[in-house]
Protein backbone atom coordinates (compact mmCIF):
# COMPACT_ATOMS: atom_id res chain seq x y z
CA UNK A 1 33.91 -6.34 18.73
CA UNK A 2 31.56 -3.97 16.95
CA UNK A 3 31.40 -3.16 13.25
CA UNK A 4 28.94 -1.71 10.79
CA UNK A 5 27.87 -5.22 9.67
CA UNK A 6 29.23 -4.93 6.15
CA UNK A 7 31.74 -7.79 6.69
CA UNK A 8 29.10 -10.16 7.98
CA UNK A 9 27.31 -11.83 5.01
CA UNK A 10 24.71 -13.30 7.29
CA UNK A 11 23.77 -9.83 8.61
CA UNK A 12 23.70 -8.40 5.09
CA UNK A 13 21.39 -11.14 3.91
CA UNK A 14 19.16 -10.64 7.01
CA UNK A 15 18.88 -6.88 6.33
CA UNK A 16 17.79 -7.61 2.72
CA UNK A 17 15.11 -9.93 4.07
CA UNK A 18 14.02 -7.30 6.54
CA UNK A 19 13.70 -4.68 3.84
CA UNK A 20 11.51 -6.97 1.72
CA UNK A 21 9.47 -8.03 4.81
CA UNK A 22 8.79 -4.43 5.81
CA UNK A 23 7.60 -3.71 2.23
CA UNK A 24 5.16 -6.58 2.61
CA UNK A 25 4.07 -5.25 5.96
CA UNK A 26 3.22 -1.85 4.36
CA UNK A 27 1.08 -3.75 1.80
CA UNK A 28 -1.00 -5.17 4.67
CA UNK A 29 0.81 -8.51 4.67
CA UNK A 30 2.58 -9.03 8.02
CA UNK A 31 3.62 -12.76 7.78
CA UNK A 32 7.12 -12.27 6.31
CA UNK A 33 7.96 -9.52 8.83
CA UNK A 34 6.63 -11.61 11.77
CA UNK A 35 8.79 -14.55 10.65
CA UNK A 36 11.95 -12.40 11.33
CA UNK A 37 11.08 -11.89 14.96
CA UNK A 38 12.24 -14.11 17.88
CA UNK A 39 9.10 -15.74 19.14
CA UNK A 40 9.92 -15.77 22.87
CA UNK A 41 8.57 -13.98 25.91
CA UNK A 42 11.42 -11.41 25.88
CA UNK A 43 10.44 -9.65 22.71
CA UNK A 44 8.89 -6.16 22.86
CA UNK A 45 7.28 -3.59 20.65
CA UNK A 46 6.77 0.11 21.34
CA UNK A 47 4.67 1.43 18.50
CA UNK A 48 2.43 -0.29 16.08
CA UNK A 49 0.14 2.78 16.14
CA UNK A 50 0.75 3.28 19.87
CA UNK A 51 1.14 1.26 22.99
CA UNK A 52 3.66 -1.15 24.29
CA UNK A 53 3.55 -4.93 23.98
CA UNK A 54 5.77 -7.55 25.49
CA UNK A 55 5.94 -11.33 24.78
CA UNK A 56 5.47 -12.90 21.38
CA UNK A 57 1.74 -13.56 21.67
CA UNK A 58 1.03 -9.91 22.24
CA UNK A 59 3.69 -8.56 19.86
CA UNK A 60 2.54 -10.92 17.07
CA UNK A 61 -1.06 -9.87 17.55
CA UNK A 62 -0.18 -6.21 17.53
CA UNK A 63 1.87 -6.61 14.30
CA UNK A 64 -1.13 -8.32 12.68
CA UNK A 65 -3.40 -5.49 13.78
CA UNK A 66 -1.00 -2.70 12.73
CA UNK A 67 -0.51 -4.19 9.30
CA UNK A 68 -4.28 -4.53 8.86
CA UNK A 69 -4.58 -0.77 9.27
CA UNK A 70 -2.55 -0.07 6.08
CA UNK A 71 -2.62 -1.11 2.45
CA UNK A 72 -1.09 -0.21 -0.85
CA UNK A 73 1.98 1.07 1.01
CA UNK A 74 5.45 2.06 0.03
CA UNK A 75 8.37 2.45 2.45
CA UNK A 76 11.74 3.99 2.45
CA UNK A 77 14.28 4.29 5.20
CA UNK A 78 17.40 6.25 6.09
CA UNK A 79 19.81 4.57 8.39
CA UNK A 80 21.32 6.82 11.02
CA UNK A 81 23.50 4.34 12.86
CA UNK A 82 23.93 0.58 13.14
CA UNK A 83 26.22 -1.57 15.15
CA UNK A 84 26.67 -5.35 14.67
CA UNK A 85 28.41 -7.56 17.19
CA UNK A 86 28.84 -11.35 17.29
CA UNK A 87 25.35 -12.02 18.75
CA UNK A 88 23.75 -8.57 19.09
CA UNK A 89 22.97 -5.67 16.75
CA UNK A 90 20.93 -2.50 16.57
CA UNK A 91 19.80 -0.11 13.90
CA UNK A 92 18.59 3.47 14.34
CA UNK A 93 16.80 4.83 11.32
CA UNK A 94 13.99 7.06 10.01
CA UNK A 95 11.21 5.61 7.93
CA UNK A 96 8.58 7.15 5.63
CA UNK A 97 5.60 5.02 4.89
CA UNK A 98 2.98 6.15 2.31
CA UNK A 99 -0.14 4.09 2.45
CA UNK A 100 -3.89 3.97 2.16
CA UNK A 101 -6.18 3.18 5.08
CA UNK A 102 -8.18 0.17 3.93
CA UNK A 103 -11.42 1.35 2.35
CA UNK A 104 -10.15 4.90 1.68
CA UNK A 105 -8.75 6.20 -1.62
CA UNK A 106 -6.58 9.01 -0.23
CA UNK A 107 -3.01 8.33 0.61
CA UNK A 108 -1.52 9.03 4.07
CA UNK A 109 2.13 9.45 5.08
CA UNK A 110 3.69 8.31 8.26
CA UNK A 111 7.18 9.51 9.24
CA UNK A 112 8.82 7.51 12.04
CA UNK A 113 12.04 7.41 13.96
CA UNK A 114 12.86 3.79 14.62
CA UNK A 115 15.21 1.75 16.79
CA UNK A 116 15.42 -1.99 16.27
CA UNK A 117 17.35 -4.47 18.39
CA UNK A 118 18.41 -7.91 16.98
CA UNK A 119 19.85 -11.08 18.44
CA UNK A 120 21.61 -13.91 16.64
CA UNK A 121 19.84 -17.14 17.46
CA UNK A 122 20.55 -20.73 16.40
CA UNK A 123 18.68 -20.22 13.08
CA UNK A 124 20.09 -16.74 12.45
CA UNK A 125 19.33 -13.12 13.22
CA UNK A 126 15.99 -12.22 14.84
CA UNK A 127 14.25 -9.00 15.89
CA UNK A 128 13.85 -8.80 19.65
CA UNK A 129 12.67 -5.18 19.97
CA UNK A 130 11.26 -2.35 17.79
CA UNK A 131 10.48 1.12 18.92
CA UNK A 132 8.88 3.45 16.39
CA UNK A 133 7.26 6.80 16.96
CA UNK A 134 6.33 9.90 15.01
CA UNK A 135 8.17 12.54 17.07
CA UNK A 136 10.40 13.53 14.20
CA UNK A 137 10.91 17.19 15.23
CA UNK A 138 12.11 18.74 18.45
CA UNK A 139 9.27 19.47 20.83
CA UNK A 140 9.20 22.19 23.50
CA UNK A 141 8.93 21.01 27.14
C-alpha cells in the first residue's frame, strides 16, 4: 500500500529530522545528516558536487567533503512527489541552497533536482540513496 506519508507519524517525524539535518549540512556540519543514513554497503550517492559513491565508507566520506565546501548556508525545498510504503519511501524535490564557499565573502546559489530513497530499518527510517544534480532546465540533445 502506498500513501503520501501523512498518516505515518514515524515518517512525519523523520522528515522533520531530515529538514533540520539538511540545514545543518548547509552550515558545514554534516554529522546530523549522516546519522540519518543507513550505514551499510548498499547505500549510494550520486552528487555531492559530482561523482558517484557506493557503500557507507565512501558515501560518508563524500558527505563530509561536500559539507566542508559550504558554510553559512540556507536551504529550501519544494516537494514534487513522495510515496511512502510500509518499509520503503521516496521523495522527489527541488532544492535551493544559498551558501558561502569557506574563506569567501560572496554568496553562491545551488539549484538542485533531488531524488531520495528511504528504507525503514529496525531503528526507524534511513536514507539509502540520494541523487542530486543541477540540470534544472531542459537541455537540447
